[in-house]
Amino acid sequence: MALNLAEKKATLIEQYDDKYRLYQSFLAEIEHQITSILQTSQVVCNAITSRLKTRESLTEKIERKQNKYADLAEITDIAGVRIITYYAEDVDKVADIIESEFVVDKENSIDKRESLEPDRFGYCSVHYVVSMSEERTVLRECQAYKGMKCEIQIRSVLQHAWAEIEHDIGYKSEIAVPKEMRRSFSRLAGLLEIADREFNDIRRSLANYKEAATQKIQQDEFMDKEIDAVLVETIINTNPKVQQLGKYIASILNAKLKEQRDRGYIEATIRELGSLGVKTVRQLYSIIDDYYDTACYVATELLKDYISNKEEEVSPAIAVFYLEYAILLTERCTHKQIEQYLVRNDIGESEKLEETVKKLYRIGTAINKR
């Protein structure tokens, strides 16, 4: 005897209650696997989030779909993971990874970007329904998840922004939007699509610029360029004197040089160099050659009483920082000028400002007597 809708709903909800904790652990494992896989693949994402369909949401879906589901396993979006990339082109990279690492239910998966008609508005994402591969479900910790399915959505930040605003407004299809507003929606969707493509192009151009800078930094076409983060970082990474100075300062501090570059530190370095009149690649190379020995002396004198209680890490840009000190102190600066430089560039701890100024002034006096 066939069950009526109310009986089916009761059966499905009972199954959901029985398997709720299993779905929780399944979802946590899927999210963990995705996070680990993407980190290993060096794909940087804006966010990876997960959600388990609530009892109320499941009940509403069962009622809306009428007699579609006979068993809880047929409902493929109880567990859900959303992956938000920074760039639209990374959506495809993540999609390829998901397809290679999980078993994809092609029948219930869709790339909504392909289903969008040219004259329609709206932003769509890639939706997969997946289960764990056999290689994973033979592992003891994953055996209980065999056959369970999870929905994975992949979209860019701008696609996500569109979807969230669209959801907030409450109109999810063109026919639901008042006619006089459709053109506004269409224009906005077009602008977001252009923005996604422009961000992709900017990233590619920046990567090409970095590669060119690494190969040609000392050629004429770069020597008279105004310094920027890419050029300063390239010089720090490639100039033997800068690297040697960085290692020397790190040894005094009993610290290690960071392998990962600190972009905020690089940007601060550019501002400090600018305040000292160093604005081009040629000028930066010149101060490296002219002030290297003085920078070593400043580091030795300024840090000779430094006591480290733990092993620290310092940015390789610290070498340029001490070259800046060398320039400043060679100019026979007064106490006031040294203080203004430190305050203007937000250098050091405010409670130790007076002490630092006095130390630097004494060092500067000694430099100019040499």
Foldseek 3Di string as FASTA:
>chain_A
DDDALVVQLVVQLVVCVVCVVVLVVVLVVVLVVLVVLCVVVVADFPDKDKDAQDSVNVSVVSVVVGPPDNYNLVDQARIEMETAHAAQVVLVVSVVSCVVFWPWPVVPWDAVVVVDDPPFFAAAWTKTKTAGDPVVCVDPVNVVRPSHIHIYTYYYPLNVVRVVVCVVVPDDGPVVDDPVCRVVRRVVRVVSVVVSVVVVVVVVVVVVVLVCCLVCVPPPVAQFDWDDLSNQVSCLVPPPLLQVLLVLLLVLQLEAEDPDADSVLSRLLSVLCVVLVQTGNNSLVVLSVVQSVVLSLLSCQLRVPPDDPDYYYDYSCVSSVSSSLSSVLLVLDDLVVVLCSCVVSVHDDPVCSSVSSVSSNVSSVVVNVD
